[in-house]
């Protein structure tokens, strides 16, 4: 499912929020019926837990804490350290390099789906898997598929009901600082992880809200949404053609769908994990191009066929 900080902020129309909430309710019912014993999340980070002082392409957390950005849960997640460590070991044994964190900070990209699906981000055991989708340079997307396949192969040995979540927007290009263009204060943050004060977080929220208003009005410099690209990606997922992403070039993804469209990596990893257990079928097929969220917003559920 997609995530957006703007779901928790004033600005989006009630009609849009109601439409998305209806889709989330359907996904929540799916999850409730499945009643998972373990949750595994593939999520990005937006310079709240991972910084350029050491930016891994992938990382598995054996403990994790929500930072509480954009009104999401602030506090520890329920991470089973032994299961997370075993998962990391299995991924490494499968020839996929992954970092390990015993003190992972996670932001709305991880926490918001947990809150939307369970009502409480810490109510179920969860293994958080960070997939760098923001901080260039990015590795080839085929490695993301390999990560998901390795995680999925291991999960299949556990004998548990496991929910896998991929959390990311489709086409979108929000105002995220880059190493090349960030002003001094933002550079200190994205490189060294300088903590944000409450006033700074409020200023950041206000800037995002202003950017969304401008974008929804058809103004500003952000890249436009690309519903055609979004729907082509969703068709690829729905039809199980995940191997096609191996040919994708990172610059092509950004050109077609915006710099933050790389968050589809989380979807690729999640569906690759499921596909490791066999053919699958998708349901709860929701998509909406949502300028008020600066994102193509989508939800899919899936089970082994």
C-alpha atoms as a PDB file:
ATOM      1  CA  UNK A   1       0.000   0.000   0.000  1.00  0.00           C
ATOM      2  CA  UNK A   2       1.030   3.594  -0.505  1.00  0.00           C
ATOM      3  CA  UNK A   3       1.649   5.947   2.380  1.00  0.00           C
ATOM      4  CA  UNK A   4       1.494   9.721   2.641  1.00  0.00           C
ATOM      5  CA  UNK A   5       2.236  12.151   5.464  1.00  0.00           C
ATOM      6  CA  UNK A   6      -0.567  14.302   4.055  1.00  0.00           C
ATOM      7  CA  UNK A   7      -3.161  11.721   5.135  1.00  0.00           C
ATOM      8  CA  UNK A   8      -2.540  12.963   8.672  1.00  0.00           C
ATOM      9  CA  UNK A   9      -2.448  16.690   7.861  1.00  0.00           C
ATOM     10  CA  UNK A  10      -5.066  19.316   6.921  1.00  0.00           C
ATOM     11  CA  UNK A  11      -5.477  19.928   3.225  1.00  0.00           C
ATOM     12  CA  UNK A  12      -6.771  16.915   1.265  1.00  0.00           C
ATOM     13  CA  UNK A  13     -10.463  17.021   0.391  1.00  0.00           C
ATOM     14  CA  UNK A  14     -12.887  14.921   2.402  1.00  0.00           C
ATOM     15  CA  UNK A  15     -13.952  13.150  -0.786  1.00  0.00           C
ATOM     16  CA  UNK A  16     -10.372  12.009  -1.418  1.00  0.00           C
ATOM     17  CA  UNK A  17      -9.844  10.957   2.192  1.00  0.00           C
ATOM     18  CA  UNK A  18     -13.123   9.013   2.209  1.00  0.00           C
ATOM     19  CA  UNK A  19     -12.209   7.249  -1.041  1.00  0.00           C
ATOM     20  CA  UNK A  20      -8.817   6.172   0.288  1.00  0.00           C
ATOM     21  CA  UNK A  21     -10.230   5.250   3.682  1.00  0.00           C
ATOM     22  CA  UNK A  22     -12.742   2.951   2.010  1.00  0.00           C
ATOM     23  CA  UNK A  23      -9.913   1.118   0.290  1.00  0.00           C
ATOM     24  CA  UNK A  24      -7.938   0.941   3.533  1.00  0.00           C
ATOM     25  CA  UNK A  25     -10.968  -0.505   5.346  1.00  0.00           C
ATOM     26  CA  UNK A  26     -11.171  -3.278   2.739  1.00  0.00           C
ATOM     27  CA  UNK A  27      -7.472  -4.029   3.210  1.00  0.00           C
ATOM     28  CA  UNK A  28      -7.917  -3.948   6.979  1.00  0.00           C
ATOM     29  CA  UNK A  29     -10.735  -6.498   6.717  1.00  0.00           C
ATOM     30  CA  UNK A  30      -8.459  -8.709   4.614  1.00  0.00           C
ATOM     31  CA  UNK A  31      -5.738  -8.495   7.277  1.00  0.00           C
ATOM     32  CA  UNK A  32      -8.185  -9.096  10.124  1.00  0.00           C
ATOM     33  CA  UNK A  33      -9.502 -12.229   8.450  1.00  0.00           C
ATOM     34  CA  UNK A  34      -5.956 -13.490   7.853  1.00  0.00           C
ATOM     35  CA  UNK A  35      -4.975 -12.753  11.477  1.00  0.00           C
ATOM     36  CA  UNK A  36      -1.177 -12.779  10.953  1.00  0.00           C
ATOM     37  CA  UNK A  37       1.146 -14.120  13.593  1.00  0.00           C
ATOM     38  CA  UNK A  38       4.043 -12.079  12.185  1.00  0.00           C
ATOM     39  CA  UNK A  39       4.321  -8.989   9.986  1.00  0.00           C
ATOM     40  CA  UNK A  40       7.265  -8.161   7.741  1.00  0.00           C
ATOM     41  CA  UNK A  41       7.444  -4.637   6.320  1.00  0.00           C
ATOM     42  CA  UNK A  42       9.486  -3.433   3.372  1.00  0.00           C
ATOM     43  CA  UNK A  43       9.649   0.330   3.803  1.00  0.00           C
ATOM     44  CA  UNK A  44      11.645   3.384   2.768  1.00  0.00           C
ATOM     45  CA  UNK A  45      12.930   6.100   5.062  1.00  0.00           C
ATOM     46  CA  UNK A  46      12.847   9.862   4.557  1.00  0.00           C
ATOM     47  CA  UNK A  47      16.027  10.846   6.433  1.00  0.00           C
ATOM     48  CA  UNK A  48      14.508  10.039   9.804  1.00  0.00           C
ATOM     49  CA  UNK A  49      16.396   6.849  10.569  1.00  0.00           C
ATOM     50  CA  UNK A  50      19.027   6.448   7.852  1.00  0.00           C
ATOM     51  CA  UNK A  51      21.519   9.088   6.799  1.00  0.00           C
ATOM     52  CA  UNK A  52      24.417   9.576   4.419  1.00  0.00           C
ATOM     53  CA  UNK A  53      26.961   9.007   7.168  1.00  0.00           C
ATOM     54  CA  UNK A  54      26.221   5.335   6.419  1.00  0.00           C
ATOM     55  CA  UNK A  55      23.462   4.606   3.897  1.00  0.00           C
ATOM     56  CA  UNK A  56      22.898   0.878   3.338  1.00  0.00           C
ATOM     57  CA  UNK A  57      20.796  -0.272   0.399  1.00  0.00           C
ATOM     58  CA  UNK A  58      18.954  -2.685   2.729  1.00  0.00           C
ATOM     59  CA  UNK A  59      18.760  -3.149   6.498  1.00  0.00           C
ATOM     60  CA  UNK A  60      16.835  -5.494   8.800  1.00  0.00           C
ATOM     61  CA  UNK A  61      15.988  -4.252  12.278  1.00  0.00           C
ATOM     62  CA  UNK A  62      16.176  -6.471  15.347  1.00  0.00           C
ATOM     63  CA  UNK A  63      14.664  -3.601  17.336  1.00  0.00           C
ATOM     64  CA  UNK A  64      12.878  -0.512  16.041  1.00  0.00           C
ATOM     65  CA  UNK A  65      11.315   2.717  17.281  1.00  0.00           C
ATOM     66  CA  UNK A  66       8.820   4.962  15.521  1.00  0.00           C
ATOM     67  CA  UNK A  67      10.048   8.561  15.397  1.00  0.00           C
ATOM     68  CA  UNK A  68       6.528  10.000  15.436  1.00  0.00           C
ATOM     69  CA  UNK A  69       6.738  12.143  12.309  1.00  0.00           C
ATOM     70  CA  UNK A  70       3.571  13.548  10.733  1.00  0.00           C
ATOM     71  CA  UNK A  71       1.381  12.460  13.600  1.00  0.00           C
ATOM     72  CA  UNK A  72       2.308   8.778  13.478  1.00  0.00           C
ATOM     73  CA  UNK A  73       3.112   6.552  16.433  1.00  0.00           C
ATOM     74  CA  UNK A  74       6.188   7.441  18.484  1.00  0.00           C
ATOM     75  CA  UNK A  75       7.660   4.581  20.458  1.00  0.00           C
ATOM     76  CA  UNK A  76       9.021   1.023  20.229  1.00  0.00           C
ATOM     77  CA  UNK A  77       7.680  -1.535  17.796  1.00  0.00           C
ATOM     78  CA  UNK A  78       7.175  -5.156  18.794  1.00  0.00           C
ATOM     79  CA  UNK A  79      10.184  -6.681  17.004  1.00  0.00           C
ATOM     80  CA  UNK A  80      11.071 -10.320  17.744  1.00  0.00           C
ATOM     81  CA  UNK A  81      14.850  -9.989  17.767  1.00  0.00           C
ATOM     82  CA  UNK A  82      15.543 -13.677  17.297  1.00  0.00           C
ATOM     83  CA  UNK A  83      13.297 -13.983  14.243  1.00  0.00           C
ATOM     84  CA  UNK A  84      14.712 -10.792  12.736  1.00  0.00           C
ATOM     85  CA  UNK A  85      18.280 -12.007  13.254  1.00  0.00           C
ATOM     86  CA  UNK A  86      17.454 -15.358  11.682  1.00  0.00           C
ATOM     87  CA  UNK A  87      15.913 -13.538   8.716  1.00  0.00           C
ATOM     88  CA  UNK A  88      19.036 -11.423   8.239  1.00  0.00           C
ATOM     89  CA  UNK A  89      21.219 -14.514   8.439  1.00  0.00           C
ATOM     90  CA  UNK A  90      19.106 -16.286   5.817  1.00  0.00           C
ATOM     91  CA  UNK A  91      19.246 -13.298   3.467  1.00  0.00           C
ATOM     92  CA  UNK A  92      23.020 -13.143   3.769  1.00  0.00           C
ATOM     93  CA  UNK A  93      23.237 -16.886   3.146  1.00  0.00           C
ATOM     94  CA  UNK A  94      21.225 -16.278  -0.041  1.00  0.00           C
ATOM     95  CA  UNK A  95      24.014 -13.961  -1.307  1.00  0.00           C
ATOM     96  CA  UNK A  96      22.110 -10.711  -0.719  1.00  0.00           C
ATOM     97  CA  UNK A  97      24.063  -8.169   1.304  1.00  0.00           C
ATOM     98  CA  UNK A  98      21.923  -6.667   4.053  1.00  0.00           C
ATOM     99  CA  UNK A  99      22.848  -4.541   7.060  1.00  0.00           C
ATOM    100  CA  UNK A 100      21.593  -5.227  10.574  1.00  0.00           C
ATOM    101  CA  UNK A 101      20.324  -2.648  13.051  1.00  0.00           C
ATOM    102  CA  UNK A 102      19.709  -3.280  16.738  1.00  0.00           C
ATOM    103  CA  UNK A 103      18.338   0.256  17.118  1.00  0.00           C
ATOM    104  CA  UNK A 104      16.432   1.123  13.950  1.00  0.00           C
ATOM    105  CA  UNK A 105      14.451   4.356  13.804  1.00  0.00           C
ATOM    106  CA  UNK A 106      11.470   4.143  11.456  1.00  0.00           C
ATOM    107  CA  UNK A 107       9.195   6.892  10.196  1.00  0.00           C
ATOM    108  CA  UNK A 108       5.717   7.164   8.683  1.00  0.00           C
ATOM    109  CA  UNK A 109       6.751   4.947   5.776  1.00  0.00           C
ATOM    110  CA  UNK A 110       6.836   1.998   8.177  1.00  0.00           C
ATOM    111  CA  UNK A 111       4.427   3.087  10.890  1.00  0.00           C
ATOM    112  CA  UNK A 112       1.501   4.488   8.922  1.00  0.00           C
ATOM    113  CA  UNK A 113       0.528   1.187   7.242  1.00  0.00           C
ATOM    114  CA  UNK A 114       0.746  -0.619  10.587  1.00  0.00           C
ATOM    115  CA  UNK A 115      -1.557   1.950  12.172  1.00  0.00           C
ATOM    116  CA  UNK A 116      -3.993   1.878   9.264  1.00  0.00           C
ATOM    117  CA  UNK A 117      -4.192  -1.917   9.154  1.00  0.00           C
ATOM    118  CA  UNK A 118      -4.059  -2.762  12.858  1.00  0.00           C
ATOM    119  CA  UNK A 119      -5.079   0.442  14.624  1.00  0.00           C
ATOM    120  CA  UNK A 120      -1.897   0.197  16.686  1.00  0.00           C
ATOM    121  CA  UNK A 121       1.615   0.057  15.259  1.00  0.00           C
ATOM    122  CA  UNK A 122       3.001  -2.102  18.055  1.00  0.00           C
ATOM    123  CA  UNK A 123       0.196  -4.623  18.503  1.00  0.00           C
ATOM    124  CA  UNK A 124       1.697  -7.356  16.273  1.00  0.00           C
ATOM    125  CA  UNK A 125       5.232  -8.735  16.056  1.00  0.00           C
ATOM    126  CA  UNK A 126       6.938  -7.042  13.116  1.00  0.00           C
ATOM    127  CA  UNK A 127      10.274  -7.389  11.327  1.00  0.00           C
ATOM    128  CA  UNK A 128      11.132  -4.054   9.665  1.00  0.00           C
ATOM    129  CA  UNK A 129      13.162  -4.211   6.458  1.00  0.00           C
ATOM    130  CA  UNK A 130      14.507  -0.884   5.219  1.00  0.00           C
ATOM    131  CA  UNK A 131      14.796  -0.491   1.441  1.00  0.00           C
ATOM    132  CA  UNK A 132      16.634   2.679   0.409  1.00  0.00           C
ATOM    133  CA  UNK A 133      14.383   4.435  -2.085  1.00  0.00           C
ATOM    134  CA  UNK A 134      15.357   8.079  -1.595  1.00  0.00           C
ATOM    135  CA  UNK A 135      19.099   8.544  -1.113  1.00  0.00           C
ATOM    136  CA  UNK A 136      20.946   8.359  -4.442  1.00  0.00           C
ATOM    137  CA  UNK A 137      22.854   6.538  -5.736  1.00  0.00           C
ATOM    138  CA  UNK A 138      20.507   3.572  -5.708  1.00  0.00           C
ATOM    139  CA  UNK A 139      21.447   0.016  -6.568  1.00  0.00           C
ATOM    140  CA  UNK A 140      19.802  -1.848  -9.449  1.00  0.00           C
ATOM    141  CA  UNK A 141      16.216  -2.799  -8.822  1.00  0.00           C
ATOM    142  CA  UNK A 142      16.980  -6.438  -9.617  1.00  0.00           C
ATOM    143  CA  UNK A 143      18.779  -6.551  -6.266  1.00  0.00           C
ATOM    144  CA  UNK A 144      15.558  -5.451  -4.573  1.00  0.00           C
ATOM    145  CA  UNK A 145      13.756  -8.365  -6.173  1.00  0.00           C
ATOM    146  CA  UNK A 146      16.539 -10.666  -4.979  1.00  0.00           C
ATOM    147  CA  UNK A 147      16.139  -9.285  -1.444  1.00  0.00           C
ATOM    148  CA  UNK A 148      12.412  -9.956  -1.461  1.00  0.00           C
ATOM    149  CA  UNK A 149      12.877 -13.459  -2.832  1.00  0.00           C
ATOM    150  CA  UNK A 150      15.459 -14.271  -0.158  1.00  0.00           C
ATOM    151  CA  UNK A 151      13.218 -12.969   2.622  1.00  0.00           C
ATOM    152  CA  UNK A 152      10.222 -14.833   1.221  1.00  0.00           C
ATOM    153  CA  UNK A 153      12.098 -18.118   0.901  1.00  0.00           C
ATOM    154  CA  UNK A 154      13.086 -17.879   4.554  1.00  0.00           C
ATOM    155  CA  UNK A 155       9.609 -16.905   5.751  1.00  0.00           C
ATOM    156  CA  UNK A 156       8.230 -19.980   4.050  1.00  0.00           C
ATOM    157  CA  UNK A 157      10.203 -22.149   6.470  1.00  0.00           C
ATOM    158  CA  UNK A 158       8.679 -20.640   9.622  1.00  0.00           C
ATOM    159  CA  UNK A 159       5.278 -22.304   9.565  1.00  0.00           C
ATOM    160  CA  UNK A 160       3.495 -19.072  10.517  1.00  0.00           C
ATOM    161  CA  UNK A 161       0.750 -16.892   9.070  1.00  0.00           C
ATOM    162  CA  UNK A 162       2.859 -13.986   7.853  1.00  0.00           C
ATOM    163  CA  UNK A 163       1.657 -10.688   6.422  1.00  0.00           C
ATOM    164  CA  UNK A 164       4.163  -8.973   4.140  1.00  0.00           C
ATOM    165  CA  UNK A 165       3.713  -5.238   3.586  1.00  0.00           C
ATOM    166  CA  UNK A 166       5.309  -3.140   0.868  1.00  0.00           C
ATOM    167  CA  UNK A 167       4.891   0.534   1.763  1.00  0.00           C
ATOM    168  CA  UNK A 168       5.478   3.126  -0.926  1.00  0.00           C
ATOM    169  CA  UNK A 169       3.998   5.654  -3.273  1.00  0.00           C
ATOM    170  CA  UNK A 170       3.875   5.156  -7.016  1.00  0.00           C
ATOM    171  CA  UNK A 171       4.565   8.202  -9.193  1.00  0.00           C
ATOM    172  CA  UNK A 172       5.445  11.172  -7.005  1.00  0.00           C
ATOM    173  CA  UNK A 173       8.104  13.822  -6.634  1.00  0.00           C
ATOM    174  CA  UNK A 174       7.681  15.533  -3.240  1.00  0.00           C
ATOM    175  CA  UNK A 175      10.121  18.192  -1.992  1.00  0.00           C
ATOM    176  CA  UNK A 176      12.797  15.884  -0.532  1.00  0.00           C
ATOM    177  CA  UNK A 177      16.330  17.317  -0.078  1.00  0.00           C
ATOM    178  CA  UNK A 178      19.191  15.766  -1.993  1.00  0.00           C
ATOM    179  CA  UNK A 179      22.884  15.545  -1.272  1.00  0.00           C
ATOM    180  CA  UNK A 180      23.604  17.805  -4.231  1.00  0.00           C
ATOM    181  CA  UNK A 181      21.010  20.512  -3.577  1.00  0.00           C
ATOM    182  CA  UNK A 182      20.237  20.581   0.174  1.00  0.00           C
ATOM    183  CA  UNK A 183      20.867  23.859   2.036  1.00  0.00           C
ATOM    184  CA  UNK A 184      23.290  23.762   4.944  1.00  0.00           C
ATOM    185  CA  UNK A 185      20.752  22.942   7.669  1.00  0.00           C
ATOM    186  CA  UNK A 186      19.129  20.166   5.652  1.00  0.00           C
ATOM    187  CA  UNK A 187      22.541  18.844   4.623  1.00  0.00           C
ATOM    188  CA  UNK A 188      23.539  18.498   8.265  1.00  0.00           C
ATOM    189  CA  UNK A 189      20.400  16.483   8.795  1.00  0.00           C
ATOM    190  CA  UNK A 190      20.541  14.140   5.821  1.00  0.00           C
ATOM    191  CA  UNK A 191      24.261  13.463   6.294  1.00  0.00           C
ATOM    192  CA  UNK A 192      24.755  13.406  10.060  1.00  0.00           C
ATOM    193  CA  UNK A 193      21.222  12.862  11.312  1.00  0.00           C
ATOM    194  CA  UNK A 194      21.019  16.131  13.227  1.00  0.00           C
ATOM    195  CA  UNK A 195      17.848  15.863  15.330  1.00  0.00           C
ATOM    196  CA  UNK A 196      14.856  18.023  14.428  1.00  0.00           C
ATOM    197  CA  UNK A 197      13.275  20.240  17.048  1.00  0.00           C
ATOM    198  CA  UNK A 198       9.504  20.419  17.390  1.00  0.00           C
ATOM    199  CA  UNK A 199       9.596  23.783  15.614  1.00  0.00           C
ATOM    200  CA  UNK A 200      11.627  22.316  12.762  1.00  0.00           C
ATOM    201  CA  UNK A 201       9.229  19.408  12.385  1.00  0.00           C
ATOM    202  CA  UNK A 202       6.320  21.842  12.329  1.00  0.00           C
ATOM    203  CA  UNK A 203       8.069  23.939   9.701  1.00  0.00           C
ATOM    204  CA  UNK A 204       8.686  20.807   7.631  1.00  0.00           C
ATOM    205  CA  UNK A 205       5.022  19.837   7.851  1.00  0.00           C
ATOM    206  CA  UNK A 206       3.962  23.343   6.813  1.00  0.00           C
ATOM    207  CA  UNK A 207       6.304  23.233   3.833  1.00  0.00           C
ATOM    208  CA  UNK A 208       4.907  19.885   2.694  1.00  0.00           C
ATOM    209  CA  UNK A 209       1.343  21.138   3.043  1.00  0.00           C
ATOM    210  CA  UNK A 210       2.165  24.269   1.040  1.00  0.00           C
ATOM    211  CA  UNK A 211       3.827  22.195  -1.666  1.00  0.00           C
ATOM    212  CA  UNK A 212       0.752  19.958  -1.878  1.00  0.00           C
ATOM    213  CA  UNK A 213      -1.610  22.928  -2.235  1.00  0.00           C
ATOM    214  CA  UNK A 214       0.561  24.375  -4.980  1.00  0.00           C
ATOM    215  CA  UNK A 215       0.873  21.046  -6.763  1.00  0.00           C
ATOM    216  CA  UNK A 216      -2.874  20.355  -6.607  1.00  0.00           C
ATOM    217  CA  UNK A 217      -3.420  23.774  -8.184  1.00  0.00           C
ATOM    218  CA  UNK A 218      -1.188  22.804 -11.088  1.00  0.00           C
ATOM    219  CA  UNK A 219       1.643  25.073 -10.025  1.00  0.00           C
ATOM    220  CA  UNK A 220       5.218  24.633  -8.818  1.00  0.00           C
ATOM    221  CA  UNK A 221       8.196  22.694 -10.077  1.00  0.00           C
ATOM    222  CA  UNK A 222       7.405  19.180  -8.859  1.00  0.00           C
ATOM    223  CA  UNK A 223       7.221  16.490 -11.534  1.00  0.00           C
ATOM    224  CA  UNK A 224       3.632  15.643 -12.535  1.00  0.00           C
ATOM    225  CA  UNK A 225       2.001  12.374 -11.575  1.00  0.00           C
ATOM    226  CA  UNK A 226       2.003   9.692 -14.249  1.00  0.00           C
ATOM    227  CA  UNK A 227      -1.121   7.524 -13.970  1.00  0.00           C
ATOM    228  CA  UNK A 228      -0.168   5.610 -17.131  1.00  0.00           C
ATOM    229  CA  UNK A 229       3.133   4.564 -15.565  1.00  0.00           C
ATOM    230  CA  UNK A 230       1.427   3.752 -12.272  1.00  0.00           C
ATOM    231  CA  UNK A 231      -1.165   1.541 -13.908  1.00  0.00           C
ATOM    232  CA  UNK A 232       1.447  -0.206 -16.038  1.00  0.00           C
ATOM    233  CA  UNK A 233       3.368  -1.015 -12.865  1.00  0.00           C
ATOM    234  CA  UNK A 234       0.222  -2.257 -11.129  1.00  0.00           C
ATOM    235  CA  UNK A 235      -0.591  -4.443 -14.139  1.00  0.00           C
ATOM    236  CA  UNK A 236       2.932  -5.872 -13.921  1.00  0.00           C
ATOM    237  CA  UNK A 237       2.349  -6.697 -10.249  1.00  0.00           C
ATOM    238  CA  UNK A 238      -1.135  -8.088 -10.852  1.00  0.00           C
ATOM    239  CA  UNK A 239       0.085 -10.394 -13.593  1.00  0.00           C
ATOM    240  CA  UNK A 240       3.170 -11.632 -11.705  1.00  0.00           C
ATOM    241  CA  UNK A 241       5.657 -10.250 -14.226  1.00  0.00           C
ATOM    242  CA  UNK A 242       8.107  -9.099 -11.548  1.00  0.00           C
ATOM    243  CA  UNK A 243      11.192 -10.173 -13.490  1.00  0.00           C
ATOM    244  CA  UNK A 244      10.555  -7.355 -15.942  1.00  0.00           C
ATOM    245  CA  UNK A 245      11.809  -4.804 -13.402  1.00  0.00           C
ATOM    246  CA  UNK A 246      15.287  -6.299 -13.705  1.00  0.00           C
ATOM    247  CA  UNK A 247      15.686  -4.327 -16.924  1.00  0.00           C
ATOM    248  CA  UNK A 248      14.614  -1.009 -15.438  1.00  0.00           C
ATOM    249  CA  UNK A 249      17.100   1.837 -15.279  1.00  0.00           C
ATOM    250  CA  UNK A 250      16.950   4.086 -12.212  1.00  0.00           C
ATOM    251  CA  UNK A 251      17.168   7.288 -14.234  1.00  0.00           C
ATOM    252  CA  UNK A 252      14.261   6.097 -16.396  1.00  0.00           C
ATOM    253  CA  UNK A 253      12.085   5.541 -13.313  1.00  0.00           C
ATOM    254  CA  UNK A 254      12.776   9.078 -12.047  1.00  0.00           C
ATOM    255  CA  UNK A 255      12.205  10.584 -15.485  1.00  0.00           C
ATOM    256  CA  UNK A 256       8.903   8.789 -15.984  1.00  0.00           C
ATOM    257  CA  UNK A 257       7.409   9.022 -12.521  1.00  0.00           C
ATOM    258  CA  UNK A 258       9.425  11.368 -10.280  1.00  0.00           C
ATOM    259  CA  UNK A 259      12.361  10.930  -7.936  1.00  0.00           C
ATOM    260  CA  UNK A 260      10.319   9.277  -5.186  1.00  0.00           C
ATOM    261  CA  UNK A 261       8.745   6.734  -7.534  1.00  0.00           C
ATOM    262  CA  UNK A 262      11.711   4.594  -6.480  1.00  0.00           C
ATOM    263  CA  UNK A 263       9.513   3.682  -3.493  1.00  0.00           C
ATOM    264  CA  UNK A 264       7.934   1.051  -5.761  1.00  0.00           C
ATOM    265  CA  UNK A 265      11.009  -0.934  -4.707  1.00  0.00           C
ATOM    266  CA  UNK A 266       9.104  -1.803  -1.545  1.00  0.00           C
ATOM    267  CA  UNK A 267       6.276  -3.257  -3.650  1.00  0.00           C
ATOM    268  CA  UNK A 268       8.751  -5.243  -5.731  1.00  0.00           C
ATOM    269  CA  UNK A 269      10.366  -6.672  -2.591  1.00  0.00           C
ATOM    270  CA  UNK A 270       7.017  -7.565  -1.007  1.00  0.00           C
ATOM    271  CA  UNK A 271       5.617  -9.278  -4.089  1.00  0.00           C
ATOM    272  CA  UNK A 272       8.920 -11.057  -4.702  1.00  0.00           C
ATOM    273  CA  UNK A 273       8.690 -12.409  -1.148  1.00  0.00           C
ATOM    274  CA  UNK A 274       5.199 -13.723  -1.871  1.00  0.00           C
ATOM    275  CA  UNK A 275       6.208 -15.100  -5.267  1.00  0.00           C
ATOM    276  CA  UNK A 276       8.956 -17.120  -3.561  1.00  0.00           C
ATOM    277  CA  UNK A 277       6.120 -19.354  -2.344  1.00  0.00           C
ATOM    278  CA  UNK A 278       4.480 -19.773  -5.753  1.00  0.00           C
ATOM    279  CA  UNK A 279       2.005 -18.027  -8.032  1.00  0.00           C
ATOM    280  CA  UNK A 280      -0.218 -15.433  -6.384  1.00  0.00           C
ATOM    281  CA  UNK A 281      -3.398 -13.555  -7.124  1.00  0.00           C
ATOM    282  CA  UNK A 282      -4.156  -9.947  -6.197  1.00  0.00           C
ATOM    283  CA  UNK A 283      -7.336  -8.388  -4.866  1.00  0.00           C
ATOM    284  CA  UNK A 284      -8.595  -5.119  -3.345  1.00  0.00           C
ATOM    285  CA  UNK A 285      -7.327  -3.313  -6.432  1.00  0.00           C
ATOM    286  CA  UNK A 286      -7.401   0.390  -5.642  1.00  0.00           C
ATOM    287  CA  UNK A 287      -5.625   3.211  -7.444  1.00  0.00           C
ATOM    288  CA  UNK A 288      -6.061   6.939  -7.512  1.00  0.00           C
ATOM    289  CA  UNK A 289      -3.906   9.719  -8.873  1.00  0.00           C
ATOM    290  CA  UNK A 290      -4.018  12.139  -5.931  1.00  0.00           C
ATOM    291  CA  UNK A 291      -2.360  15.524  -6.520  1.00  0.00           C
ATOM    292  CA  UNK A 292      -3.494  16.617  -3.051  1.00  0.00           C
ATOM    293  CA  UNK A 293      -1.174  13.920  -1.674  1.00  0.00           C
ATOM    294  CA  UNK A 294       1.505  14.563  -4.338  1.00  0.00           C
ATOM    295  CA  UNK A 295       1.254  10.866  -5.158  1.00  0.00           C
ATOM    296  CA  UNK A 296      -0.252   8.092  -7.142  1.00  0.00           C
ATOM    297  CA  UNK A 297      -1.883   6.167  -4.290  1.00  0.00           C
ATOM    298  CA  UNK A 298      -2.525   2.436  -4.577  1.00  0.00           C
ATOM    299  CA  UNK A 299      -3.469  -0.588  -2.505  1.00  0.00           C
ATOM    300  CA  UNK A 300      -3.289  -4.263  -3.399  1.00  0.00           C
ATOM    301  CA  UNK A 301      -3.831  -7.382  -1.346  1.00  0.00           C
ATOM    302  CA  UNK A 302      -2.534 -10.725  -2.514  1.00  0.00           C
ATOM    303  CA  UNK A 303      -2.501 -14.383  -1.518  1.00  0.00           C
ATOM    304  CA  UNK A 304      -0.860 -17.504  -2.882  1.00  0.00           C
ATOM    305  CA  UNK A 305      -3.017 -18.821  -5.735  1.00  0.00           C
END
